[in-house]
Amino acid sequence: MPHLDSGQAVLMKRRLPCRKGLRAESAPNFRSDSCRAGFKPHYRGPAGQTGFDDVSFDLISVQYHSLKAGHDYGQYVRDARNAGRDDIADFFEQVMAQDSERAEKCHRFLRELQS
């Protein structure tokens, strides 16, 4: 399973993209003025401002959320098994595998962009 390097992890903690309808207080480490009228915050500009171009940032974001979701789904699998619902546990395991594949594909694309 791919791992985020420290720069990617910091980027994801502090620089989550603003999406229409997302309130600043619903995302960690957002200041109240980070999202204005649903537009992307100022840090999401040219590569010179963040060190990452938009494509890299987007790949890192998808990778991060896929890995985080995979961690959460582990609990869902346990809950379903404890409830005697192996069919639902199997479904959650399939979703976990898809997220793992998605994160790995992002990792490969990021490596390609770095070379």
N, C-alpha and C. Protein backbone atom coordinates (compact mmCIF):
# COMPACT_ATOMS: atom_id res chain seq x y z
N MET A 1 0.85 -1.17 0.00
CA MET A 1 0.00 0.00 0.00
C MET A 1 0.89 1.24 0.00
N PRO A 2 0.61 2.25 -0.83
CA PRO A 2 1.46 3.43 -0.91
C PRO A 2 1.36 4.27 0.36
N HIS A 3 2.44 4.98 0.64
CA HIS A 3 2.47 5.86 1.80
C HIS A 3 2.71 7.28 1.33
N LEU A 4 2.12 8.23 2.04
CA LEU A 4 2.37 9.63 1.74
C LEU A 4 3.69 10.03 2.35
N ASP A 5 4.52 10.75 1.59
CA ASP A 5 5.72 11.28 2.22
C ASP A 5 5.31 12.47 3.08
N SER A 6 6.21 12.98 3.90
CA SER A 6 5.84 14.02 4.86
C SER A 6 5.30 15.26 4.17
N GLY A 7 5.84 15.62 3.01
CA GLY A 7 5.35 16.79 2.29
C GLY A 7 3.92 16.61 1.82
N GLN A 8 3.60 15.40 1.33
CA GLN A 8 2.24 15.14 0.88
C GLN A 8 1.28 15.13 2.06
N ALA A 9 1.71 14.54 3.17
CA ALA A 9 0.85 14.48 4.35
C ALA A 9 0.55 15.88 4.88
N VAL A 10 1.55 16.74 4.93
CA VAL A 10 1.34 18.11 5.39
C VAL A 10 0.41 18.83 4.44
N LEU A 11 0.61 18.65 3.15
CA LEU A 11 -0.24 19.29 2.16
C LEU A 11 -1.69 18.89 2.38
N MET A 12 -1.93 17.61 2.62
CA MET A 12 -3.30 17.16 2.78
C MET A 12 -3.91 17.65 4.09
N LYS A 13 -3.12 17.79 5.14
CA LYS A 13 -3.65 18.28 6.41
C LYS A 13 -4.05 19.74 6.32
N ARG A 14 -3.30 20.52 5.58
CA ARG A 14 -3.50 21.96 5.60
C ARG A 14 -4.17 22.51 4.36
N ARG A 15 -4.22 21.76 3.30
CA ARG A 15 -4.65 22.35 2.03
C ARG A 15 -5.70 21.51 1.33
N LEU A 16 -6.78 21.24 2.01
CA LEU A 16 -7.86 20.52 1.37
C LEU A 16 -8.59 21.44 0.41
N PRO A 17 -8.92 20.98 -0.78
CA PRO A 17 -9.59 21.85 -1.74
C PRO A 17 -10.99 22.23 -1.27
N CYS A 18 -11.39 23.42 -1.60
CA CYS A 18 -12.72 23.91 -1.27
C CYS A 18 -13.68 23.43 -2.36
N ARG A 19 -14.78 22.94 -2.00
CA ARG A 19 -15.79 22.52 -2.96
C ARG A 19 -17.07 23.29 -2.68
N LYS A 20 -17.85 23.54 -3.71
CA LYS A 20 -19.09 24.26 -3.54
C LYS A 20 -19.94 23.57 -2.49
N GLY A 21 -20.44 24.34 -1.56
CA GLY A 21 -21.27 23.79 -0.50
C GLY A 21 -20.49 23.37 0.73
N LEU A 22 -19.18 23.29 0.66
CA LEU A 22 -18.36 22.91 1.81
C LEU A 22 -18.17 24.14 2.68
N ARG A 23 -18.53 24.03 3.92
CA ARG A 23 -18.33 25.14 4.84
C ARG A 23 -16.95 25.00 5.45
N ALA A 24 -16.30 26.11 5.65
CA ALA A 24 -14.92 26.10 6.13
C ALA A 24 -14.79 25.33 7.44
N GLU A 25 -15.77 25.47 8.33
CA GLU A 25 -15.64 24.81 9.63
C GLU A 25 -15.82 23.30 9.55
N SER A 26 -16.27 22.78 8.41
CA SER A 26 -16.45 21.34 8.29
C SER A 26 -15.17 20.61 7.90
N ALA A 27 -14.12 21.35 7.61
CA ALA A 27 -12.85 20.74 7.23
C ALA A 27 -11.79 21.11 8.25
N PRO A 28 -10.91 20.18 8.62
CA PRO A 28 -9.88 20.48 9.61
C PRO A 28 -8.90 21.52 9.11
N ASN A 29 -8.44 22.34 10.03
CA ASN A 29 -7.40 23.35 9.77
C ASN A 29 -7.81 24.44 8.79
N PHE A 30 -9.11 24.64 8.60
CA PHE A 30 -9.56 25.73 7.74
C PHE A 30 -9.86 26.94 8.60
N ARG A 31 -9.43 28.11 8.14
CA ARG A 31 -9.84 29.35 8.78
C ARG A 31 -11.21 29.71 8.21
N SER A 32 -11.97 30.51 8.93
CA SER A 32 -13.32 30.83 8.48
C SER A 32 -13.34 31.56 7.15
N ASP A 33 -12.27 32.25 6.79
CA ASP A 33 -12.25 32.97 5.52
C ASP A 33 -11.62 32.15 4.39
N SER A 34 -11.36 30.86 4.63
CA SER A 34 -10.69 30.04 3.62
C SER A 34 -11.55 29.80 2.40
N CYS A 35 -12.85 29.64 2.59
CA CYS A 35 -13.75 29.36 1.48
C CYS A 35 -14.73 30.52 1.35
N ARG A 36 -14.63 31.21 0.28
CA ARG A 36 -15.55 32.33 0.04
C ARG A 36 -16.46 31.97 -1.12
N ALA A 37 -17.74 31.96 -0.87
CA ALA A 37 -18.74 31.70 -1.91
C ALA A 37 -18.48 30.41 -2.66
N GLY A 38 -17.88 29.42 -2.00
CA GLY A 38 -17.67 28.13 -2.62
C GLY A 38 -16.53 28.06 -3.60
N PHE A 39 -15.66 29.06 -3.64
CA PHE A 39 -14.53 29.03 -4.56
C PHE A 39 -13.30 28.47 -3.89
N LYS A 40 -12.35 28.07 -4.69
CA LYS A 40 -11.12 27.50 -4.17
C LYS A 40 -10.33 28.56 -3.42
N PRO A 41 -9.75 28.22 -2.28
CA PRO A 41 -8.98 29.18 -1.51
C PRO A 41 -7.70 29.61 -2.22
N HIS A 42 -7.08 30.68 -1.72
CA HIS A 42 -5.93 31.29 -2.38
C HIS A 42 -4.73 30.37 -2.52
N TYR A 43 -4.52 29.41 -1.63
CA TYR A 43 -3.32 28.57 -1.70
C TYR A 43 -3.36 27.62 -2.88
N ARG A 44 -4.50 27.46 -3.52
CA ARG A 44 -4.66 26.50 -4.60
C ARG A 44 -4.37 27.16 -5.95
N GLY A 45 -3.35 27.97 -6.01
CA GLY A 45 -3.03 28.68 -7.23
C GLY A 45 -1.93 27.99 -8.01
N PRO A 46 -1.12 28.77 -8.72
CA PRO A 46 -0.03 28.21 -9.52
C PRO A 46 0.94 27.41 -8.66
N ALA A 47 1.67 26.54 -9.30
CA ALA A 47 2.60 25.65 -8.59
C ALA A 47 3.56 26.41 -7.70
N GLY A 48 3.92 27.62 -8.06
CA GLY A 48 4.86 28.40 -7.27
C GLY A 48 4.36 28.70 -5.87
N GLN A 49 3.06 28.69 -5.66
CA GLN A 49 2.50 29.00 -4.35
C GLN A 49 2.51 27.80 -3.42
N THR A 50 2.33 26.60 -3.94
CA THR A 50 2.27 25.41 -3.09
C THR A 50 3.41 24.44 -3.34
N GLY A 51 4.06 24.57 -4.47
CA GLY A 51 5.08 23.60 -4.84
C GLY A 51 4.50 22.42 -5.60
N PHE A 52 3.17 22.39 -5.76
CA PHE A 52 2.51 21.30 -6.47
C PHE A 52 1.64 21.90 -7.56
N ASP A 53 1.65 21.29 -8.76
CA ASP A 53 0.71 21.73 -9.78
C ASP A 53 -0.67 21.15 -9.45
N ASP A 54 -1.70 21.62 -10.14
CA ASP A 54 -3.06 21.18 -9.84
C ASP A 54 -3.25 19.68 -10.01
N VAL A 55 -2.65 19.10 -11.04
CA VAL A 55 -2.82 17.66 -11.27
C VAL A 55 -2.20 16.86 -10.13
N SER A 56 -1.00 17.24 -9.70
CA SER A 56 -0.37 16.55 -8.57
C SER A 56 -1.20 16.70 -7.31
N PHE A 57 -1.65 17.91 -7.06
CA PHE A 57 -2.48 18.16 -5.88
C PHE A 57 -3.72 17.28 -5.90
N ASP A 58 -4.38 17.20 -7.04
CA ASP A 58 -5.59 16.39 -7.16
C ASP A 58 -5.30 14.91 -6.95
N LEU A 59 -4.20 14.42 -7.50
CA LEU A 59 -3.82 13.02 -7.29
C LEU A 59 -3.53 12.74 -5.83
N ILE A 60 -2.82 13.66 -5.18
CA ILE A 60 -2.52 13.50 -3.76
C ILE A 60 -3.81 13.48 -2.95
N SER A 61 -4.75 14.34 -3.31
CA SER A 61 -6.02 14.39 -2.61
C SER A 61 -6.79 13.07 -2.74
N VAL A 62 -6.88 12.56 -3.96
CA VAL A 62 -7.58 11.29 -4.18
C VAL A 62 -6.87 10.16 -3.44
N GLN A 63 -5.54 10.14 -3.49
CA GLN A 63 -4.77 9.11 -2.80
C GLN A 63 -5.03 9.17 -1.30
N TYR A 64 -4.96 10.34 -0.73
CA TYR A 64 -5.17 10.52 0.71
C TYR A 64 -6.56 10.02 1.12
N HIS A 65 -7.58 10.47 0.41
CA HIS A 65 -8.94 10.11 0.78
C HIS A 65 -9.21 8.62 0.57
N SER A 66 -8.59 8.02 -0.43
CA SER A 66 -8.74 6.58 -0.64
C SER A 66 -8.11 5.79 0.50
N LEU A 67 -6.93 6.22 0.93
CA LEU A 67 -6.26 5.52 2.03
C LEU A 67 -7.01 5.71 3.35
N LYS A 68 -7.49 6.90 3.59
CA LYS A 68 -8.24 7.17 4.82
C LYS A 68 -9.53 6.36 4.84
N ALA A 69 -10.24 6.34 3.72
CA ALA A 69 -11.49 5.58 3.65
C ALA A 69 -11.23 4.10 3.89
N GLY A 70 -10.15 3.58 3.32
CA GLY A 70 -9.80 2.18 3.52
C GLY A 70 -9.61 1.85 4.99
N HIS A 71 -9.03 2.77 5.72
CA HIS A 71 -8.85 2.58 7.17
C HIS A 71 -10.21 2.53 7.86
N ASP A 72 -11.11 3.43 7.49
CA ASP A 72 -12.44 3.47 8.10
C ASP A 72 -13.25 2.22 7.78
N TYR A 73 -13.12 1.71 6.55
CA TYR A 73 -13.90 0.56 6.14
C TYR A 73 -13.55 -0.69 6.95
N GLY A 74 -12.34 -0.75 7.47
CA GLY A 74 -11.97 -1.89 8.30
C GLY A 74 -12.92 -2.06 9.48
N GLN A 75 -13.31 -0.94 10.07
CA GLN A 75 -14.27 -0.99 11.18
C GLN A 75 -15.64 -1.44 10.68
N TYR A 76 -16.01 -1.01 9.49
CA TYR A 76 -17.31 -1.40 8.93
C TYR A 76 -17.35 -2.91 8.69
N VAL A 77 -16.24 -3.46 8.23
CA VAL A 77 -16.17 -4.92 8.02
C VAL A 77 -16.37 -5.63 9.35
N ARG A 78 -15.67 -5.17 10.37
CA ARG A 78 -15.80 -5.80 11.70
C ARG A 78 -17.24 -5.69 12.21
N ASP A 79 -17.85 -4.53 12.04
CA ASP A 79 -19.24 -4.34 12.49
C ASP A 79 -20.18 -5.31 11.78
N ALA A 80 -20.02 -5.45 10.48
CA ALA A 80 -20.89 -6.34 9.71
C ALA A 80 -20.68 -7.79 10.13
N ARG A 81 -19.42 -8.19 10.32
CA ARG A 81 -19.15 -9.57 10.74
C ARG A 81 -19.74 -9.83 12.13
N ASN A 82 -19.59 -8.86 13.04
CA ASN A 82 -20.16 -9.01 14.39
C ASN A 82 -21.68 -9.10 14.36
N ALA A 83 -22.29 -8.50 13.35
CA ALA A 83 -23.75 -8.56 13.21
C ALA A 83 -24.19 -9.81 12.44
N GLY A 84 -23.22 -10.65 12.05
CA GLY A 84 -23.55 -11.86 11.31
C GLY A 84 -23.91 -11.61 9.86
N ARG A 85 -23.50 -10.46 9.32
CA ARG A 85 -23.81 -10.12 7.93
C ARG A 85 -22.55 -10.21 7.09
N ASP A 86 -22.17 -11.44 6.78
CA ASP A 86 -20.98 -11.66 5.96
C ASP A 86 -21.13 -11.08 4.56
N ASP A 87 -22.36 -11.05 4.04
CA ASP A 87 -22.58 -10.47 2.72
C ASP A 87 -22.23 -8.98 2.70
N ILE A 88 -22.60 -8.28 3.76
CA ILE A 88 -22.29 -6.85 3.85
C ILE A 88 -20.80 -6.66 4.11
N ALA A 89 -20.22 -7.52 4.95
CA ALA A 89 -18.77 -7.45 5.20
C ALA A 89 -18.00 -7.65 3.90
N ASP A 90 -18.45 -8.60 3.09
CA ASP A 90 -17.80 -8.84 1.79
C ASP A 90 -17.89 -7.60 0.90
N PHE A 91 -19.05 -6.94 0.92
CA PHE A 91 -19.22 -5.71 0.15
C PHE A 91 -18.21 -4.65 0.61
N PHE A 92 -18.10 -4.45 1.92
CA PHE A 92 -17.14 -3.46 2.43
C PHE A 92 -15.70 -3.83 2.06
N GLU A 93 -15.39 -5.12 2.06
CA GLU A 93 -14.05 -5.55 1.65
C GLU A 93 -13.79 -5.24 0.18
N GLN A 94 -14.81 -5.39 -0.66
CA GLN A 94 -14.67 -5.04 -2.07
C GLN A 94 -14.41 -3.54 -2.23
N VAL A 95 -15.14 -2.73 -1.47
CA VAL A 95 -14.95 -1.28 -1.52
C VAL A 95 -13.54 -0.92 -1.05
N MET A 96 -13.07 -1.60 0.00
CA MET A 96 -11.70 -1.38 0.49
C MET A 96 -10.68 -1.69 -0.59
N ALA A 97 -10.87 -2.80 -1.28
CA ALA A 97 -9.94 -3.19 -2.34
C ALA A 97 -9.94 -2.17 -3.47
N GLN A 98 -11.11 -1.65 -3.82
CA GLN A 98 -11.19 -0.63 -4.87
C GLN A 98 -10.45 0.64 -4.45
N ASP A 99 -10.62 1.05 -3.20
CA ASP A 99 -9.91 2.23 -2.72
C ASP A 99 -8.41 2.00 -2.70
N SER A 100 -7.99 0.81 -2.33
CA SER A 100 -6.56 0.49 -2.33
C SER A 100 -5.99 0.56 -3.74
N GLU A 101 -6.73 0.02 -4.70
CA GLU A 101 -6.29 0.08 -6.11
C GLU A 101 -6.23 1.53 -6.58
N ARG A 102 -7.22 2.32 -6.18
CA ARG A 102 -7.26 3.73 -6.56
C ARG A 102 -6.05 4.48 -6.00
N ALA A 103 -5.73 4.24 -4.74
CA ALA A 103 -4.57 4.89 -4.12
C ALA A 103 -3.28 4.47 -4.80
N GLU A 104 -3.16 3.20 -5.14
CA GLU A 104 -1.96 2.71 -5.82
C GLU A 104 -1.81 3.35 -7.20
N LYS A 105 -2.93 3.50 -7.91
CA LYS A 105 -2.88 4.13 -9.24
C LYS A 105 -2.44 5.59 -9.12
N CYS A 106 -2.95 6.29 -8.12
CA CYS A 106 -2.51 7.68 -7.88
C CYS A 106 -1.01 7.70 -7.61
N HIS A 107 -0.53 6.77 -6.82
CA HIS A 107 0.89 6.69 -6.49
C HIS A 107 1.73 6.51 -7.76
N ARG A 108 1.28 5.63 -8.65
CA ARG A 108 2.00 5.42 -9.91
C ARG A 108 2.01 6.69 -10.76
N PHE A 109 0.87 7.36 -10.86
CA PHE A 109 0.81 8.60 -11.63
C PHE A 109 1.72 9.67 -11.03
N LEU A 110 1.75 9.77 -9.72
CA LEU A 110 2.62 10.76 -9.07
C LEU A 110 4.09 10.47 -9.35
N ARG A 111 4.46 9.19 -9.34
CA ARG A 111 5.84 8.82 -9.69
C ARG A 111 6.16 9.22 -11.12
N GLU A 112 5.22 8.99 -12.03
CA GLU A 112 5.42 9.38 -13.44
C GLU A 112 5.62 10.89 -13.56
N LEU A 113 4.83 11.65 -12.84
CA LEU A 113 4.92 13.11 -12.92
C LEU A 113 6.24 13.63 -12.36
N GLN A 114 6.83 12.89 -11.41
CA GLN A 114 8.09 13.32 -10.80
C GLN A 114 9.29 13.03 -11.69
N SER A 115 9.15 12.11 -12.64
CA SER A 115 10.31 11.77 -13.48
C SER A 115 10.38 12.60 -14.73
